[in-house]
Structure formats: structure tokens, C-alpha cells
Amino acid sequence: MPSLRALAILATYNEQRFIRACLENLIRQGLDVYLIDNESTDQTRAIAQDYVGRGLIGIESLARNGVYRWETILRRKVEIAQASDHDWCMHVDADEIRLPPPPFRTLREAIRHIDSAGYNAANFIELCFVPTREEPDHDHPGFQETMRWYYPFRPAPHHRLTLWKRQDAAPDLAASGGHRIAFPQMRISPTDFPMRHYLFLSIEHAKEKWVDRSYAPEELQRGWHRARAGLRASDIGLQSRDELRLYRSDGELDCSNPLQSHPVFARPVPRGPRT
């Protein structure tokens, strides 16, 4: 299917650290990108503007009003997917580097393969890259070169089922908190796609990203954001490099024996539905 088109739908809020690397990777992977900016106050939107017409097909602003409303963002992503003329769509975050499984060179090539095999959805295996006790600060543009220690993470099967063939009827992305697309007659590819996920670049960055965020009360009542809401900077623990795996190349990512919880949260948080 030489004309297959795939759309990555990205939402941002103050992601100036990650937006350039994310966009360049998605475009290099052969995908078009649409950006929803949730009223960033940093340089996120200005950086993204450089890519308009070069793979980034549109930017829109979504009102924030001082509160992070994840369900609103997810529902908007589905609306964009349904209104597009792309064959496949992908829900993606700015701190992620989405990759094709071997032997494919690009995501678009891998999507074309699973499409021709009759599948209409694919899951990603999450490889979480984190600072370490030995090297705690990677808050700079070269973070991909210096922050090379990671662990695989899979708390549930199909935890990142976020790539799907566009449907006639709108699928459901919000019910799972954005982790799993859902629609009738799903045929999920048996091959997971890898994903490098850069959780945070330093303790101060983690505080800015999670601790200083205001979450929608109705989402907290639903049990969402349970690992982040109420978090304090002192709750965030760094592991030693000896506890992690060393990144050498995308082709050598080790997805075996994934963890079911994030060890970077040193103290237990209240239990509730996983999001």
C-alpha cells in the first residue's frame, strides 16, 4: 500500500525540552504530525512552528484555564483522527520517541506491513529512560546522548495500545486514560513496537512536570493521575546505573522482564485505578 498515510497526534504543555526531538523523530519515521498546544507558556509553540509544512500539518490551541484536563485532550485527539483523511493514527506524547520493530526502517513501513497483514491496531512496549544517582541531571538539549539508562515497563497487557487504523465510528481513547484505544473488532498486531520514554531529566524537571501541576478535580475523583497527584519532590527516587539497562542502540533495546511499577517513585502513593 504505497499511498498509506499515518498521522501522529501530539498534545503539549511546556514541552520545550522535548518537542524538537519528538517532531524530528516522527517526521523521520514518515508520519504527518498534528499538534494540540495546551496554552504553553514556554517556547514549545515557537519551536514547533519551525516544522510547519515540513511534516507538521497543523497547530491548534486548546484552552487550559490553569488546569490539566487530560480527558478533554484525549477526546480532542479522537476528533482530529476522525476528521483526518489518514489511514492510521497514533496518540503520542512529547517525551516519547516512537520506533518501528525490527526489521523495519520506519514506523510508516511497519504500519504498512501490519495493515497488509490484516491488523488494525498495534501496541508499544515502553522503555523508560531516567536519570541515575551517578548522573542525576540531563536537563539539556543533548539528553538523548547522555541519559542512556532505562528499564522496560508493562503494568498490563497492551498497556500502550495507541496506534490504530482509522475507524468509521469514533473509537474510545479516554476510558483507559489514553493507554488503550478501543473499538469493535480489533485485530491487534502480535508484534509490539518499541518506545523510548524519557520520564524526566532531573529532579527539578520532575517537580515542574508533576508536582507543580494542577489536576482536574473530577479526574482525581475518578482515580486518574494516582502516581502523580500529591507527589512531592522528595518522593522521587533515583536508581543506580547498576539497577538499569544501558542503551546502546535502538536495535539492541531489551524489552524482557518488564517492571509493573515505576521504581522512581520512592514512596507509596494512594491506591486506585491505574492510569
C-alpha atoms as a PDB file:
ATOM      1  CA  MET A   1       0.000   0.000   0.000  1.00  0.00           C
ATOM      2  CA  PRO A   2       2.383   2.723  -1.232  1.00  0.00           C
ATOM      3  CA  SER A   3      -0.070   5.565  -0.537  1.00  0.00           C
ATOM      4  CA  LEU A   4      -0.653   4.720   3.140  1.00  0.00           C
ATOM      5  CA  ARG A   5      -0.655   7.841   5.325  1.00  0.00           C
ATOM      6  CA  ALA A   6      -0.289   7.883   9.103  1.00  0.00           C
ATOM      7  CA  LEU A   7      -0.942  10.764  11.479  1.00  0.00           C
ATOM      8  CA  ALA A   8       0.685  11.296  14.885  1.00  0.00           C
ATOM      9  CA  ILE A   9      -1.486  13.442  17.162  1.00  0.00           C
ATOM     10  CA  LEU A  10       0.589  15.227  19.771  1.00  0.00           C
ATOM     11  CA  ALA A  11      -0.512  17.397  22.701  1.00  0.00           C
ATOM     12  CA  THR A  12       1.889  19.671  24.574  1.00  0.00           C
ATOM     13  CA  TYR A  13       2.147  21.926  27.573  1.00  0.00           C
ATOM     14  CA  ASN A  14       5.565  23.498  28.240  1.00  0.00           C
ATOM     15  CA  GLU A  15       7.495  20.775  26.403  1.00  0.00           C
ATOM     16  CA  GLN A  16      10.344  22.920  25.057  1.00  0.00           C
ATOM     17  CA  ARG A  17      12.822  20.310  26.288  1.00  0.00           C
ATOM     18  CA  PHE A  18      11.307  17.526  24.174  1.00  0.00           C
ATOM     19  CA  ILE A  19       9.314  18.980  21.301  1.00  0.00           C
ATOM     20  CA  ARG A  20      12.126  19.252  18.754  1.00  0.00           C
ATOM     21  CA  ALA A  21      13.396  15.693  19.239  1.00  0.00           C
ATOM     22  CA  CYS A  22       9.841  14.325  19.188  1.00  0.00           C
ATOM     23  CA  LEU A  23       8.837  16.120  15.989  1.00  0.00           C
ATOM     24  CA  GLU A  24      12.051  15.284  14.173  1.00  0.00           C
ATOM     25  CA  ASN A  25      11.671  11.605  15.023  1.00  0.00           C
ATOM     26  CA  LEU A  26       8.023  11.391  13.969  1.00  0.00           C
ATOM     27  CA  ILE A  27       8.724  13.155  10.683  1.00  0.00           C
ATOM     28  CA  ARG A  28      11.775  10.973  10.079  1.00  0.00           C
ATOM     29  CA  GLN A  29       9.533   7.939  10.668  1.00  0.00           C
ATOM     30  CA  GLY A  30       7.342   9.000   7.742  1.00  0.00           C
ATOM     31  CA  LEU A  31       4.382  10.318   9.741  1.00  0.00           C
ATOM     32  CA  ASP A  32       2.447  13.548   9.468  1.00  0.00           C
ATOM     33  CA  VAL A  33       2.027  15.324  12.815  1.00  0.00           C
ATOM     34  CA  TYR A  34      -0.794  17.458  14.205  1.00  0.00           C
ATOM     35  CA  LEU A  35      -0.117  19.456  17.371  1.00  0.00           C
ATOM     36  CA  ILE A  36      -2.559  20.497  20.093  1.00  0.00           C
ATOM     37  CA  ASP A  37      -0.854  23.042  22.305  1.00  0.00           C
ATOM     38  CA  ASN A  38      -2.493  23.371  25.733  1.00  0.00           C
ATOM     39  CA  GLU A  39      -1.508  27.061  26.128  1.00  0.00           C
ATOM     40  CA  SER A  40       2.206  26.551  26.727  1.00  0.00           C
ATOM     41  CA  THR A  41       3.977  29.460  28.395  1.00  0.00           C
ATOM     42  CA  ASP A  42       7.473  28.475  27.256  1.00  0.00           C
ATOM     43  CA  GLN A  43       8.985  28.128  23.753  1.00  0.00           C
ATOM     44  CA  THR A  44       7.134  24.927  22.789  1.00  0.00           C
ATOM     45  CA  ARG A  45       4.918  26.502  20.167  1.00  0.00           C
ATOM     46  CA  ALA A  46       7.674  28.691  18.716  1.00  0.00           C
ATOM     47  CA  ILE A  47       9.932  25.661  18.269  1.00  0.00           C
ATOM     48  CA  ALA A  48       7.120  23.642  16.693  1.00  0.00           C
ATOM     49  CA  GLN A  49       6.390  26.457  14.248  1.00  0.00           C
ATOM     50  CA  ASP A  50       9.722  25.697  12.554  1.00  0.00           C
ATOM     51  CA  TYR A  51       8.278  22.356  11.369  1.00  0.00           C
ATOM     52  CA  VAL A  52       5.010  23.599   9.859  1.00  0.00           C
ATOM     53  CA  GLY A  53       4.979  22.499   6.224  1.00  0.00           C
ATOM     54  CA  ARG A  54       7.830  20.067   6.878  1.00  0.00           C
ATOM     55  CA  GLY A  55       5.765  17.237   8.365  1.00  0.00           C
ATOM     56  CA  LEU A  56       3.813  19.230  10.935  1.00  0.00           C
ATOM     57  CA  ILE A  57       0.490  19.752   9.190  1.00  0.00           C
ATOM     58  CA  GLY A  58      -1.237  21.908  11.792  1.00  0.00           C
ATOM     59  CA  ILE A  59      -1.122  23.545  15.224  1.00  0.00           C
ATOM     60  CA  GLU A  60      -4.139  24.439  17.311  1.00  0.00           C
ATOM     61  CA  SER A  61      -4.519  25.928  20.770  1.00  0.00           C
ATOM     62  CA  LEU A  62      -6.618  24.223  23.447  1.00  0.00           C
ATOM     63  CA  ALA A  63      -7.643  26.341  26.430  1.00  0.00           C
ATOM     64  CA  ARG A  64      -6.099  25.279  29.743  1.00  0.00           C
ATOM     65  CA  ASN A  65      -7.500  27.741  32.273  1.00  0.00           C
ATOM     66  CA  GLY A  66      -4.783  26.762  34.721  1.00  0.00           C
ATOM     67  CA  VAL A  67      -5.857  23.103  34.981  1.00  0.00           C
ATOM     68  CA  TYR A  68      -4.621  19.911  33.309  1.00  0.00           C
ATOM     69  CA  ARG A  69      -7.710  18.202  31.841  1.00  0.00           C
ATOM     70  CA  TRP A  70      -6.461  15.009  30.267  1.00  0.00           C
ATOM     71  CA  GLU A  71      -9.868  13.684  29.210  1.00  0.00           C
ATOM     72  CA  THR A  72     -10.565  16.829  27.182  1.00  0.00           C
ATOM     73  CA  ILE A  73      -7.246  16.402  25.384  1.00  0.00           C
ATOM     74  CA  LEU A  74      -7.888  12.724  24.630  1.00  0.00           C
ATOM     75  CA  ARG A  75     -11.356  13.395  23.254  1.00  0.00           C
ATOM     76  CA  ARG A  76      -9.955  16.141  21.051  1.00  0.00           C
ATOM     77  CA  LYS A  77      -7.329  13.738  19.722  1.00  0.00           C
ATOM     78  CA  VAL A  78     -10.030  11.301  18.638  1.00  0.00           C
ATOM     79  CA  GLU A  79     -11.953  14.129  16.948  1.00  0.00           C
ATOM     80  CA  ILE A  80      -8.842  15.064  14.975  1.00  0.00           C
ATOM     81  CA  ALA A  81      -8.254  11.433  13.983  1.00  0.00           C
ATOM     82  CA  GLN A  82     -11.841  11.059  12.770  1.00  0.00           C
ATOM     83  CA  ALA A  83     -11.702  14.290  10.761  1.00  0.00           C
ATOM     84  CA  SER A  84      -8.418  13.411   9.061  1.00  0.00           C
ATOM     85  CA  ASP A  85      -8.006  11.592   5.762  1.00  0.00           C
ATOM     86  CA  HIS A  86      -5.143   9.459   7.079  1.00  0.00           C
ATOM     87  CA  ASP A  87      -5.267   5.671   7.073  1.00  0.00           C
ATOM     88  CA  TRP A  88      -3.731   5.205  10.540  1.00  0.00           C
ATOM     89  CA  CYS A  89      -3.499   7.432  13.620  1.00  0.00           C
ATOM     90  CA  MET A  90      -1.283   7.442  16.704  1.00  0.00           C
ATOM     91  CA  HIS A  91      -1.673   9.075  20.109  1.00  0.00           C
ATOM     92  CA  VAL A  92       1.765  10.266  21.216  1.00  0.00           C
ATOM     93  CA  ASP A  93       3.325  12.447  23.927  1.00  0.00           C
ATOM     94  CA  ALA A  94       6.252  14.828  23.520  1.00  0.00           C
ATOM     95  CA  ASP A  95       8.606  12.887  25.818  1.00  0.00           C
ATOM     96  CA  GLU A  96       8.356   9.752  23.676  1.00  0.00           C
ATOM     97  CA  ILE A  97      10.479   8.504  20.787  1.00  0.00           C
ATOM     98  CA  ARG A  98       8.293   6.016  18.898  1.00  0.00           C
ATOM     99  CA  LEU A  99      10.134   3.390  16.856  1.00  0.00           C
ATOM    100  CA  PRO A 100       9.392   0.550  14.421  1.00  0.00           C
ATOM    101  CA  PRO A 101      10.070  -3.069  15.366  1.00  0.00           C
ATOM    102  CA  PRO A 102      12.881  -4.842  13.517  1.00  0.00           C
ATOM    103  CA  PRO A 103      13.469  -5.249  10.633  1.00  0.00           C
ATOM    104  CA  PHE A 104      11.550  -2.153   9.555  1.00  0.00           C
ATOM    105  CA  ARG A 105      13.343   1.132   8.965  1.00  0.00           C
ATOM    106  CA  THR A 106      10.449   3.475   9.703  1.00  0.00           C
ATOM    107  CA  LEU A 107       7.121   3.457  11.510  1.00  0.00           C
ATOM    108  CA  ARG A 108       5.331   4.052   8.227  1.00  0.00           C
ATOM    109  CA  GLU A 109       6.954   0.963   6.723  1.00  0.00           C
ATOM    110  CA  ALA A 110       5.994  -1.136   9.773  1.00  0.00           C
ATOM    111  CA  ILE A 111       2.420   0.189   9.716  1.00  0.00           C
ATOM    112  CA  ARG A 112       2.118  -0.685   6.035  1.00  0.00           C
ATOM    113  CA  HIS A 113       3.235  -4.227   6.873  1.00  0.00           C
ATOM    114  CA  ILE A 114       0.720  -4.841   9.687  1.00  0.00           C
ATOM    115  CA  ASP A 115      -2.035  -3.213   7.638  1.00  0.00           C
ATOM    116  CA  SER A 116      -1.396  -5.586   4.746  1.00  0.00           C
ATOM    117  CA  ALA A 117      -1.468  -8.487   7.240  1.00  0.00           C
ATOM    118  CA  GLY A 118      -4.998  -7.522   8.300  1.00  0.00           C
ATOM    119  CA  TYR A 119      -4.306  -5.921  11.679  1.00  0.00           C
ATOM    120  CA  ASN A 120      -5.926  -2.651  12.722  1.00  0.00           C
ATOM    121  CA  ALA A 121      -4.096  -1.755  15.966  1.00  0.00           C
ATOM    122  CA  ALA A 122      -0.635  -2.063  17.494  1.00  0.00           C
ATOM    123  CA  ASN A 123       0.812  -1.854  20.986  1.00  0.00           C
ATOM    124  CA  PHE A 124       4.045  -0.205  22.112  1.00  0.00           C
ATOM    125  CA  ILE A 125       6.407  -1.595  24.727  1.00  0.00           C
ATOM    126  CA  GLU A 126       7.599   1.242  26.960  1.00  0.00           C
ATOM    127  CA  LEU A 127      11.319   1.639  27.716  1.00  0.00           C
ATOM    128  CA  CYS A 128      11.631   4.221  30.492  1.00  0.00           C
ATOM    129  CA  PHE A 129      14.800   6.348  30.424  1.00  0.00           C
ATOM    130  CA  VAL A 130      15.644   8.055  33.723  1.00  0.00           C
ATOM    131  CA  PRO A 131      18.440   9.965  35.466  1.00  0.00           C
ATOM    132  CA  THR A 132      20.559   7.946  37.876  1.00  0.00           C
ATOM    133  CA  ARG A 133      22.170   8.598  41.245  1.00  0.00           C
ATOM    134  CA  GLU A 134      25.546   8.726  39.478  1.00  0.00           C
ATOM    135  CA  GLU A 135      24.281  11.142  36.784  1.00  0.00           C
ATOM    136  CA  PRO A 136      21.200  12.969  38.130  1.00  0.00           C
ATOM    137  CA  ASP A 137      20.951  15.920  35.731  1.00  0.00           C
ATOM    138  CA  HIS A 138      20.295  15.668  31.971  1.00  0.00           C
ATOM    139  CA  ASP A 139      18.273  18.843  31.556  1.00  0.00           C
ATOM    140  CA  HIS A 140      19.913  19.981  28.324  1.00  0.00           C
ATOM    141  CA  PRO A 141      19.300  19.576  24.566  1.00  0.00           C
ATOM    142  CA  GLY A 142      21.605  16.528  24.346  1.00  0.00           C
ATOM    143  CA  PHE A 143      19.633  14.412  26.821  1.00  0.00           C
ATOM    144  CA  GLN A 144      19.304  11.535  24.346  1.00  0.00           C
ATOM    145  CA  GLU A 145      23.082  11.214  24.192  1.00  0.00           C
ATOM    146  CA  THR A 146      23.711  11.375  27.952  1.00  0.00           C
ATOM    147  CA  MET A 147      20.641   9.774  29.604  1.00  0.00           C
ATOM    148  CA  ARG A 148      21.207   6.208  28.450  1.00  0.00           C
ATOM    149  CA  TRP A 149      19.906   4.084  31.344  1.00  0.00           C
ATOM    150  CA  TYR A 150      16.435   2.544  31.178  1.00  0.00           C
ATOM    151  CA  TYR A 151      14.020  -0.153  32.313  1.00  0.00           C
ATOM    152  CA  PRO A 152      11.152  -1.825  30.403  1.00  0.00           C
ATOM    153  CA  PHE A 153       7.679  -1.152  31.812  1.00  0.00           C
ATOM    154  CA  ARG A 154       4.460  -3.088  31.222  1.00  0.00           C
ATOM    155  CA  PRO A 155       1.956  -2.991  34.113  1.00  0.00           C
ATOM    156  CA  ALA A 156      -0.719  -4.693  31.986  1.00  0.00           C
ATOM    157  CA  PRO A 157      -1.019  -6.349  28.556  1.00  0.00           C
ATOM    158  CA  HIS A 158      -1.413  -3.828  25.745  1.00  0.00           C
ATOM    159  CA  HIS A 159      -0.575  -1.006  28.155  1.00  0.00           C
ATOM    160  CA  ARG A 160       0.251   1.331  25.249  1.00  0.00           C
ATOM    161  CA  LEU A 161      -2.246   0.340  22.551  1.00  0.00           C
ATOM    162  CA  THR A 162      -2.104   3.756  20.899  1.00  0.00           C
ATOM    163  CA  LEU A 163      -1.676   3.083  17.179  1.00  0.00           C
ATOM    164  CA  TRP A 164      -4.821   2.273  15.231  1.00  0.00           C
ATOM    165  CA  LYS A 165      -6.363   2.149  11.783  1.00  0.00           C
ATOM    166  CA  ARG A 166      -8.859   4.980  11.417  1.00  0.00           C
ATOM    167  CA  GLN A 167     -12.422   3.793  12.022  1.00  0.00           C
ATOM    168  CA  ASP A 168     -15.771   4.825  10.558  1.00  0.00           C
ATOM    169  CA  ALA A 169     -17.165   5.271  14.080  1.00  0.00           C
ATOM    170  CA  ALA A 170     -15.176   7.151  16.703  1.00  0.00           C
ATOM    171  CA  PRO A 171     -13.049   4.854  18.900  1.00  0.00           C
ATOM    172  CA  ASP A 172     -12.660   5.359  22.656  1.00  0.00           C
ATOM    173  CA  LEU A 173      -9.318   6.607  23.924  1.00  0.00           C
ATOM    174  CA  ALA A 174     -10.459   8.391  27.094  1.00  0.00           C
ATOM    175  CA  ALA A 175     -11.855   5.431  29.068  1.00  0.00           C
ATOM    176  CA  SER A 176      -8.356   3.989  29.560  1.00  0.00           C
ATOM    177  CA  GLY A 177      -6.775   7.333  30.379  1.00  0.00           C
ATOM    178  CA  GLY A 178      -5.104   7.350  26.973  1.00  0.00           C
ATOM    179  CA  HIS A 179      -3.359   3.998  27.334  1.00  0.00           C
ATOM    180  CA  ARG A 180      -5.560   1.857  25.085  1.00  0.00           C
ATOM    181  CA  ILE A 181      -7.658   2.691  22.063  1.00  0.00           C
ATOM    182  CA  ALA A 182     -10.900   0.695  21.923  1.00  0.00           C
ATOM    183  CA  PHE A 183     -13.282  -0.080  19.066  1.00  0.00           C
ATOM    184  CA  PRO A 184     -15.239  -3.128  17.823  1.00  0.00           C
ATOM    185  CA  GLN A 185     -13.483  -5.977  16.024  1.00  0.00           C
ATOM    186  CA  MET A 186      -9.951  -5.030  16.998  1.00  0.00           C
ATOM    187  CA  ARG A 187      -7.208  -7.121  15.438  1.00  0.00           C
ATOM    188  CA  ILE A 188      -4.048  -6.298  17.371  1.00  0.00           C
ATOM    189  CA  SER A 189      -0.662  -6.940  15.812  1.00  0.00           C
ATOM    190  CA  PRO A 190       1.216  -9.636  17.765  1.00  0.00           C
ATOM    191  CA  THR A 191       4.411  -7.620  17.428  1.00  0.00           C
ATOM    192  CA  ASP A 192       4.987  -4.800  19.915  1.00  0.00           C
ATOM    193  CA  PHE A 193       6.555  -1.584  18.668  1.00  0.00           C
ATOM    194  CA  PRO A 194       9.327  -0.140  20.896  1.00  0.00           C
ATOM    195  CA  MET A 195       9.102   3.295  22.504  1.00  0.00           C
ATOM    196  CA  ARG A 196      11.795   5.266  24.311  1.00  0.00           C
ATOM    197  CA  HIS A 197      10.057   7.247  27.065  1.00  0.00           C
ATOM    198  CA  TYR A 198      12.077   9.981  28.787  1.00  0.00           C
ATOM    199  CA  LEU A 199      10.192  10.286  32.077  1.00  0.00           C
ATOM    200  CA  PHE A 200      12.097  13.305  33.408  1.00  0.00           C
ATOM    201  CA  LEU A 201      15.547  14.834  33.008  1.00  0.00           C
ATOM    202  CA  SER A 202      16.303  15.867  36.593  1.00  0.00           C
ATOM    203  CA  ILE A 203      14.567  16.024  39.972  1.00  0.00           C
ATOM    204  CA  GLU A 204      13.794  19.698  39.349  1.00  0.00           C
ATOM    205  CA  HIS A 205      12.267  18.841  35.987  1.00  0.00           C
ATOM    206  CA  ALA A 206      10.137  16.110  37.596  1.00  0.00           C
ATOM    207  CA  LYS A 207       8.897  18.638  40.139  1.00  0.00           C
ATOM    208  CA  GLU A 208       7.932  21.052  37.362  1.00  0.00           C
ATOM    209  CA  LYS A 209       6.295  18.315  35.315  1.00  0.00           C
ATOM    210  CA  TRP A 210       4.289  16.575  38.052  1.00  0.00           C
ATOM    211  CA  VAL A 211       4.410  18.269  41.447  1.00  0.00           C
ATOM    212  CA  ASP A 212       3.614  21.804  40.249  1.00  0.00           C
ATOM    213  CA  ARG A 213       0.730  20.691  38.017  1.00  0.00           C
ATOM    214  CA  SER A 214      -2.913  21.379  38.862  1.00  0.00           C
ATOM    215  CA  TYR A 215      -5.067  18.342  38.011  1.00  0.00           C
ATOM    216  CA  ALA A 216      -8.778  18.401  37.169  1.00  0.00           C
ATOM    217  CA  PRO A 217     -10.718  17.507  40.359  1.00  0.00           C
ATOM    218  CA  GLU A 218     -13.137  15.230  38.519  1.00  0.00           C
ATOM    219  CA  GLU A 219     -10.238  13.208  37.109  1.00  0.00           C
ATOM    220  CA  LEU A 220      -8.686  12.825  40.563  1.00  0.00           C
ATOM    221  CA  GLN A 221     -12.021  11.602  41.903  1.00  0.00           C
ATOM    222  CA  ARG A 222     -12.045   9.014  39.119  1.00  0.00           C
ATOM    223  CA  GLY A 223      -8.661   7.735  40.316  1.00  0.00           C
ATOM    224  CA  TRP A 224      -6.601   9.136  37.449  1.00  0.00           C
ATOM    225  CA  HIS A 225      -3.056  10.511  37.875  1.00  0.00           C
ATOM    226  CA  ARG A 226      -2.650   8.401  41.021  1.00  0.00           C
ATOM    227  CA  ALA A 227       1.139   8.199  40.728  1.00  0.00           C
ATOM    228  CA  ARG A 228       1.495  11.956  40.304  1.00  0.00           C
ATOM    229  CA  ALA A 229      -1.221  13.783  42.229  1.00  0.00           C
ATOM    230  CA  GLY A 230       0.022  14.664  45.697  1.00  0.00           C
ATOM    231  CA  LEU A 231       3.588  13.782  44.744  1.00  0.00           C
ATOM    232  CA  ARG A 232       6.403  15.679  46.440  1.00  0.00           C
ATOM    233  CA  ALA A 233       9.899  16.155  45.063  1.00  0.00           C
ATOM    234  CA  SER A 234      11.216  14.120  47.994  1.00  0.00           C
ATOM    235  CA  ASP A 235       9.078  11.178  46.819  1.00  0.00           C
ATOM    236  CA  ILE A 236      11.107  10.823  43.624  1.00  0.00           C
ATOM    237  CA  GLY A 237      13.959   8.371  43.996  1.00  0.00           C
ATOM    238  CA  LEU A 238      16.820   7.824  41.578  1.00  0.00           C
ATOM    239  CA  GLN A 239      18.198   4.369  40.900  1.00  0.00           C
ATOM    240  CA  SER A 240      21.800   3.386  40.457  1.00  0.00           C
ATOM    241  CA  ARG A 241      23.015   2.562  36.969  1.00  0.00           C
ATOM    242  CA  ASP A 242      23.618  -0.993  38.284  1.00  0.00           C
ATOM    243  CA  GLU A 243      19.841  -1.452  38.580  1.00  0.00           C
ATOM    244  CA  LEU A 244      19.148  -0.387  34.990  1.00  0.00           C
ATOM    245  CA  ARG A 245      19.961  -1.384  31.424  1.00  0.00           C
ATOM    246  CA  LEU A 246      22.402   0.510  29.240  1.00  0.00           C
ATOM    247  CA  TYR A 247      21.139   1.847  25.923  1.00  0.00           C
ATOM    248  CA  ARG A 248      23.472   1.039  23.046  1.00  0.00           C
ATOM    249  CA  SER A 249      21.203   1.317  20.011  1.00  0.00           C
ATOM    250  CA  ASP A 250      17.544   1.062  19.065  1.00  0.00           C
ATOM    251  CA  GLY A 251      18.211  -2.370  17.618  1.00  0.00           C
ATOM    252  CA  GLU A 252      19.523  -3.615  20.976  1.00  0.00           C
ATOM    253  CA  LEU A 253      16.708  -2.386  23.235  1.00  0.00           C
ATOM    254  CA  ASP A 254      15.977  -5.052  25.849  1.00  0.00           C
ATOM    255  CA  CYS A 255      12.234  -5.465  26.452  1.00  0.00           C
ATOM    256  CA  SER A 256      12.486  -8.646  28.523  1.00  0.00           C
ATOM    257  CA  ASN A 257      11.117  -8.970  32.063  1.00  0.00           C
ATOM    258  CA  PRO A 258       9.343  -5.598  32.197  1.00  0.00           C
ATOM    259  CA  LEU A 259       8.533  -3.962  35.523  1.00  0.00           C
ATOM    260  CA  GLN A 260       4.936  -3.478  36.632  1.00  0.00           C
ATOM    261  CA  SER A 261       5.522  -0.290  38.627  1.00  0.00           C
ATOM    262  CA  HIS A 262       7.840   2.692  38.369  1.00  0.00           C
ATOM    263  CA  PRO A 263      10.721   2.433  40.882  1.00  0.00           C
ATOM    264  CA  VAL A 264      11.438   6.167  40.525  1.00  0.00           C
ATOM    265  CA  PHE A 265       8.590   6.871  42.949  1.00  0.00           C
ATOM    266  CA  ALA A 266      10.344   6.087  46.221  1.00  0.00           C
ATOM    267  CA  ARG A 267       7.328   6.386  48.493  1.00  0.00           C
ATOM    268  CA  PRO A 268       3.979   4.609  48.071  1.00  0.00           C
ATOM    269  CA  VAL A 269       1.084   6.670  46.774  1.00  0.00           C
ATOM    270  CA  PRO A 270      -2.645   6.081  47.417  1.00  0.00           C
ATOM    271  CA  ARG A 271      -4.002   3.097  45.554  1.00  0.00           C
ATOM    272  CA  GLY A 272      -6.597   3.485  42.827  1.00  0.00           C
ATOM    273  CA  PRO A 273      -7.274   2.646  39.192  1.00  0.00           C
ATOM    274  CA  ARG A 274      -4.075   2.636  37.146  1.00  0.00           C
ATOM    275  CA  THR A 275      -3.781   5.424  34.557  1.00  0.00           C
END
